[in-house]
Protein backbone atom coordinates (compact mmCIF):
# COMPACT_ATOMS: atom_id res chain seq x y z
CA UNK A 1 0.00 0.00 0.00
CA UNK A 2 2.87 2.37 0.71
CA UNK A 3 3.99 2.22 -2.92
CA UNK A 4 0.45 2.95 -4.06
CA UNK A 5 0.19 5.98 -1.79
CA UNK A 6 3.38 7.40 -3.26
CA UNK A 7 1.60 7.55 -6.62
CA UNK A 8 -0.48 10.43 -5.31
CA UNK A 9 2.53 12.61 -4.61
CA UNK A 10 4.86 11.88 -7.47
CA UNK A 11 3.83 12.08 -11.11
CA UNK A 12 6.34 9.76 -12.70
CA UNK A 13 6.50 7.33 -15.57
CA UNK A 14 3.91 5.26 -13.72
CA UNK A 15 1.25 7.91 -14.30
CA UNK A 16 -0.34 9.41 -17.38
CA UNK A 17 -2.36 12.54 -18.04
CA UNK A 18 -6.06 12.36 -17.21
CA UNK A 19 -8.33 12.97 -20.20
CA UNK A 20 -11.65 14.79 -20.06
CA UNK A 21 -13.45 11.54 -20.94
CA UNK A 22 -11.83 9.82 -17.94
CA UNK A 23 -12.60 12.78 -15.68
CA UNK A 24 -16.26 12.80 -16.73
CA UNK A 25 -16.55 9.05 -16.28
CA UNK A 26 -15.23 9.19 -12.71
CA UNK A 27 -17.34 12.19 -11.69
CA UNK A 28 -20.57 11.16 -13.44
CA UNK A 29 -20.45 7.79 -15.18
CA UNK A 30 -18.98 5.80 -12.31
CA UNK A 31 -22.01 6.55 -10.13
CA UNK A 32 -24.26 5.09 -12.83
CA UNK A 33 -21.94 2.08 -13.10
CA UNK A 34 -22.31 1.42 -9.36
CA UNK A 35 -26.06 2.03 -9.08
CA UNK A 36 -26.90 -0.11 -12.11
CA UNK A 37 -24.42 -2.86 -11.26
CA UNK A 38 -22.53 -2.42 -14.52
CA UNK A 39 -18.93 -3.31 -15.27
CA UNK A 40 -16.23 -0.68 -14.95
CA UNK A 41 -15.34 1.27 -18.08
CA UNK A 42 -13.66 -1.10 -20.52
CA UNK A 43 -9.87 -0.99 -20.48
CA UNK A 44 -9.58 0.31 -16.90
CA UNK A 45 -9.32 -1.05 -13.39
CA UNK A 46 -9.67 0.43 -9.91
CA UNK A 47 -7.22 -0.37 -7.13
CA UNK A 48 -7.89 0.44 -3.49
CA UNK A 49 -5.52 3.09 -2.24
CA UNK A 50 -6.60 4.54 1.11
CA UNK A 51 -9.76 4.91 3.20
CA UNK A 52 -10.11 7.72 5.71
CA UNK A 53 -12.97 7.51 8.23
CA UNK A 54 -14.20 10.28 10.48
CA UNK A 55 -17.34 10.60 12.58
CA UNK A 56 -19.34 12.36 9.85
CA UNK A 57 -17.46 11.52 6.64
CA UNK A 58 -15.65 8.74 4.82
CA UNK A 59 -13.23 9.23 1.92
CA UNK A 60 -12.33 6.22 -0.20
CA UNK A 61 -9.38 6.84 -2.55
CA UNK A 62 -8.90 4.50 -5.52
CA UNK A 63 -6.32 4.45 -8.32
CA UNK A 64 -7.90 4.51 -11.79
CA UNK A 65 -5.48 2.53 -13.96
CA UNK A 66 -5.42 1.93 -17.69
CA UNK A 67 -5.02 -1.82 -18.17
CA UNK A 68 -3.08 -1.71 -21.44
CA UNK A 69 -0.35 0.59 -20.10
CA UNK A 70 -0.65 -0.17 -16.36
CA UNK A 71 -0.45 3.60 -15.81
CA UNK A 72 -2.49 5.49 -13.25
CA UNK A 73 -4.74 7.92 -15.11
CA UNK A 74 -6.48 9.54 -12.11
CA UNK A 75 -7.55 9.01 -8.54
CA UNK A 76 -11.21 8.40 -7.78
CA UNK A 77 -12.39 9.75 -4.44
CA UNK A 78 -15.72 8.53 -3.11
CA UNK A 79 -16.76 10.95 -0.38
CA UNK A 80 -19.67 9.90 1.82
CA UNK A 81 -21.53 12.05 4.33
CA UNK A 82 -22.53 9.75 7.16
CA UNK A 83 -24.90 12.42 8.47
CA UNK A 84 -26.91 13.00 5.31
CA UNK A 85 -26.10 9.87 3.31
CA UNK A 86 -24.87 11.91 0.35
CA UNK A 87 -22.20 10.33 -1.84
CA UNK A 88 -19.88 12.45 -3.99
CA UNK A 89 -17.61 11.15 -6.75
CA UNK A 90 -14.48 13.20 -7.36
CA UNK A 91 -11.69 12.78 -9.84
CA UNK A 92 -8.22 13.88 -8.79
CA UNK A 93 -6.73 14.44 -12.25
CA UNK A 94 -3.08 13.90 -13.09
CA UNK A 95 -1.01 16.34 -15.18
CA UNK A 96 -3.99 18.23 -16.60
CA UNK A 97 -4.29 21.83 -15.40
CA UNK A 98 -7.72 22.41 -16.96
CA UNK A 99 -9.16 19.41 -15.14
CA UNK A 100 -7.39 20.37 -11.92
CA UNK A 101 -9.12 23.75 -12.11
CA UNK A 102 -12.45 22.00 -12.73
CA UNK A 103 -11.81 19.77 -9.69
CA UNK A 104 -10.95 22.83 -7.60
CA UNK A 105 -14.11 24.64 -8.76
CA UNK A 106 -16.19 21.65 -7.67
CA UNK A 107 -14.59 21.65 -4.22
CA UNK A 108 -15.65 25.29 -3.82
CA UNK A 109 -19.27 24.07 -3.68
CA UNK A 110 -18.64 22.06 -0.50
CA UNK A 111 -19.26 23.48 2.95
CA UNK A 112 -16.45 24.05 5.42
CA UNK A 113 -17.09 20.87 7.43
CA UNK A 114 -16.63 18.43 4.55
CA UNK A 115 -13.72 20.50 3.20
CA UNK A 116 -12.01 20.34 6.58
CA UNK A 117 -12.47 16.56 6.72
CA UNK A 118 -11.28 16.15 3.12
CA UNK A 119 -8.21 18.30 3.76
CA UNK A 120 -7.36 16.11 6.74
CA UNK A 121 -7.75 12.96 4.60
CA UNK A 122 -5.36 14.41 2.00
CA UNK A 123 -2.87 15.35 4.71
CA UNK A 124 -3.02 11.77 6.07
CA UNK A 125 -2.10 10.41 2.63
CA UNK A 126 0.76 12.88 2.40
CA UNK A 127 2.01 11.98 5.86
CA UNK A 128 1.85 8.23 5.16
CA UNK A 129 3.65 8.75 1.87
CA UNK A 130 6.47 10.65 3.51
CA UNK A 131 6.77 8.07 6.28
CA UNK A 132 7.06 5.27 3.72
CA UNK A 133 9.70 7.20 1.76
CA UNK A 134 12.10 6.93 4.71
């Protein structure tokens, strides 16, 4: 798992740029895939990365890998509000500034409580990555 977590911090030859099609699938299409019991988008696989649980929220981070190249194309984050039961699907894009701005714009719609919890989850991944680098 430590090697997988490092993928979040370092964009290397193991990662490839996220496309808009991939971004849209993870933020919109994946939810339909789950609710309808469909197979994951052809040519891709998800690998568990990290789960962060708090009293009111859970954040499940998954690597979205292209099977043909074995490269990580993005990180799927499934954010769940335990209070309201809302589920949010985020795509952490790799090496694509336009999509990173789109991701950031989406985060601006969240309230301070979920943002605080999400920031803590991201800091946990960073901390674990740095610990494993030693």
